[in-house]
Amino acid sequence: MTYTCKACKRTFTDELQYELHRDTCSSEQLVCERCGERFAERAATRDGWHYVCPNDDCEGAGIDEDLHAVGDFSVAASANR
């Protein structure tokens, strides 16, 4: 099985290599639905499993709960208009 990074389109044959790449890919951006802040994925997690908005004044947390990939959030926002 191959894994493809949505941000930079690199492909990996090993899932662990892919996951490690995703954590450091500079193109991978998240947006917080609560506060609207945009940030690198690695800024939102310390362990790669739990994600929280890095904005000190925001309580947004969770991938696909409050935090979304920028591309996914843009598509959803356009669909809701």
C-alpha atoms as a PDB file:
ATOM      1  CA  MET A   1       0.000   0.000   0.000  1.00  0.00           C
ATOM      2  CA  THR A   2       1.211   3.520  -0.696  1.00  0.00           C
ATOM      3  CA  TYR A   3       0.496   6.656   1.321  1.00  0.00           C
ATOM      4  CA  THR A   4       0.396  10.109  -0.257  1.00  0.00           C
ATOM      5  CA  CYS A   5       0.827  13.389   1.604  1.00  0.00           C
ATOM      6  CA  LYS A   6      -2.143  15.647   0.745  1.00  0.00           C
ATOM      7  CA  ALA A   7      -0.048  18.760   1.233  1.00  0.00           C
ATOM      8  CA  CYS A   8       3.046  18.068  -0.862  1.00  0.00           C
ATOM      9  CA  LYS A   9       2.021  14.920  -2.812  1.00  0.00           C
ATOM     10  CA  ARG A  10       5.067  12.855  -1.713  1.00  0.00           C
ATOM     11  CA  THR A  11       4.367   9.129  -1.558  1.00  0.00           C
ATOM     12  CA  PHE A  12       5.522   6.584   1.020  1.00  0.00           C
ATOM     13  CA  THR A  13       5.356   2.800   1.141  1.00  0.00           C
ATOM     14  CA  ASP A  14       5.686   2.693   4.926  1.00  0.00           C
ATOM     15  CA  GLU A  15       2.885   4.082   7.094  1.00  0.00           C
ATOM     16  CA  LEU A  16       5.245   5.155   9.883  1.00  0.00           C
ATOM     17  CA  GLN A  17       7.426   7.154   7.465  1.00  0.00           C
ATOM     18  CA  TYR A  18       4.284   8.783   6.106  1.00  0.00           C
ATOM     19  CA  GLU A  19       3.018   9.710   9.587  1.00  0.00           C
ATOM     20  CA  LEU A  20       6.412  11.147  10.562  1.00  0.00           C
ATOM     21  CA  HIS A  21       6.488  13.166   7.345  1.00  0.00           C
ATOM     22  CA  ARG A  22       2.979  14.520   7.952  1.00  0.00           C
ATOM     23  CA  ASP A  23       4.056  15.854  11.344  1.00  0.00           C
ATOM     24  CA  THR A  24       6.877  17.868   9.781  1.00  0.00           C
ATOM     25  CA  CYS A  25       5.533  18.786   6.341  1.00  0.00           C
ATOM     26  CA  SER A  26       5.695  22.572   6.199  1.00  0.00           C
ATOM     27  CA  SER A  27       2.779  22.725   3.777  1.00  0.00           C
ATOM     28  CA  GLU A  28       0.427  20.957   6.172  1.00  0.00           C
ATOM     29  CA  GLN A  29      -1.690  23.631   7.803  1.00  0.00           C
ATOM     30  CA  LEU A  30      -4.628  23.468  10.187  1.00  0.00           C
ATOM     31  CA  VAL A  31      -7.293  26.043  10.916  1.00  0.00           C
ATOM     32  CA  CYS A  32      -9.248  26.305  14.141  1.00  0.00           C
ATOM     33  CA  GLU A  33     -13.004  26.527  13.616  1.00  0.00           C
ATOM     34  CA  ARG A  34     -13.468  28.341  16.954  1.00  0.00           C
ATOM     35  CA  CYS A  35     -10.970  31.196  16.623  1.00  0.00           C
ATOM     36  CA  GLY A  36     -10.073  31.097  12.910  1.00  0.00           C
ATOM     37  CA  GLU A  37      -6.325  30.905  13.558  1.00  0.00           C
ATOM     38  CA  ARG A  38      -4.209  29.055  10.989  1.00  0.00           C
ATOM     39  CA  PHE A  39      -1.076  27.176  12.066  1.00  0.00           C
ATOM     40  CA  ALA A  40       1.265  24.290  11.255  1.00  0.00           C
ATOM     41  CA  GLU A  41       0.041  20.881  12.387  1.00  0.00           C
ATOM     42  CA  ARG A  42       3.174  20.368  14.471  1.00  0.00           C
ATOM     43  CA  ALA A  43       2.331  23.489  16.512  1.00  0.00           C
ATOM     44  CA  ALA A  44      -0.904  21.859  17.673  1.00  0.00           C
ATOM     45  CA  THR A  45       0.494  18.612  19.082  1.00  0.00           C
ATOM     46  CA  ARG A  46       3.269  17.325  21.275  1.00  0.00           C
ATOM     47  CA  ASP A  47       2.701  13.608  20.817  1.00  0.00           C
ATOM     48  CA  GLY A  48       1.099  13.308  17.354  1.00  0.00           C
ATOM     49  CA  TRP A  49      -2.145  11.962  18.850  1.00  0.00           C
ATOM     50  CA  HIS A  50      -3.727  14.838  20.755  1.00  0.00           C
ATOM     51  CA  TYR A  51      -4.288  18.177  19.031  1.00  0.00           C
ATOM     52  CA  VAL A  52      -5.232  21.538  20.559  1.00  0.00           C
ATOM     53  CA  CYS A  53      -5.306  25.037  19.147  1.00  0.00           C
ATOM     54  CA  PRO A  54      -1.998  26.774  20.023  1.00  0.00           C
ATOM     55  CA  ASN A  55      -3.840  30.067  20.597  1.00  0.00           C
ATOM     56  CA  ASP A  56      -3.754  30.628  24.388  1.00  0.00           C
ATOM     57  CA  ASP A  57      -7.203  32.264  24.330  1.00  0.00           C
ATOM     58  CA  CYS A  58      -8.894  29.362  22.499  1.00  0.00           C
ATOM     59  CA  GLU A  59     -10.144  25.986  23.691  1.00  0.00           C
ATOM     60  CA  GLY A  60     -10.380  24.391  20.219  1.00  0.00           C
ATOM     61  CA  ALA A  61      -9.224  20.762  20.121  1.00  0.00           C
ATOM     62  CA  GLY A  62      -9.374  17.594  18.070  1.00  0.00           C
ATOM     63  CA  ILE A  63      -8.682  16.921  14.416  1.00  0.00           C
ATOM     64  CA  ASP A  64     -11.963  17.080  12.476  1.00  0.00           C
ATOM     65  CA  GLU A  65     -13.739  18.385  15.581  1.00  0.00           C
ATOM     66  CA  ASP A  66     -12.531  21.999  16.014  1.00  0.00           C
ATOM     67  CA  LEU A  67      -9.303  21.714  14.001  1.00  0.00           C
ATOM     68  CA  HIS A  68      -9.419  21.057  10.263  1.00  0.00           C
ATOM     69  CA  ALA A  69      -6.940  20.824   7.403  1.00  0.00           C
ATOM     70  CA  VAL A  70      -6.963  24.173   5.577  1.00  0.00           C
ATOM     71  CA  GLY A  71      -8.011  22.550   2.289  1.00  0.00           C
ATOM     72  CA  ASP A  72     -10.868  20.644   3.925  1.00  0.00           C
ATOM     73  CA  PHE A  73     -12.030  23.726   5.857  1.00  0.00           C
ATOM     74  CA  SER A  74     -11.998  25.906   2.710  1.00  0.00           C
ATOM     75  CA  VAL A  75     -14.102  23.373   0.796  1.00  0.00           C
ATOM     76  CA  ALA A  76     -16.592  23.032   3.670  1.00  0.00           C
ATOM     77  CA  ALA A  77     -16.859  26.806   4.111  1.00  0.00           C
ATOM     78  CA  SER A  78     -17.567  27.240   0.381  1.00  0.00           C
ATOM     79  CA  ALA A  79     -20.239  24.532   0.471  1.00  0.00           C
ATOM     80  CA  ASN A  80     -22.032  26.257   3.353  1.00  0.00           C
ATOM     81  CA  ARG A  81     -22.418  29.544   1.467  1.00  0.00           C
END
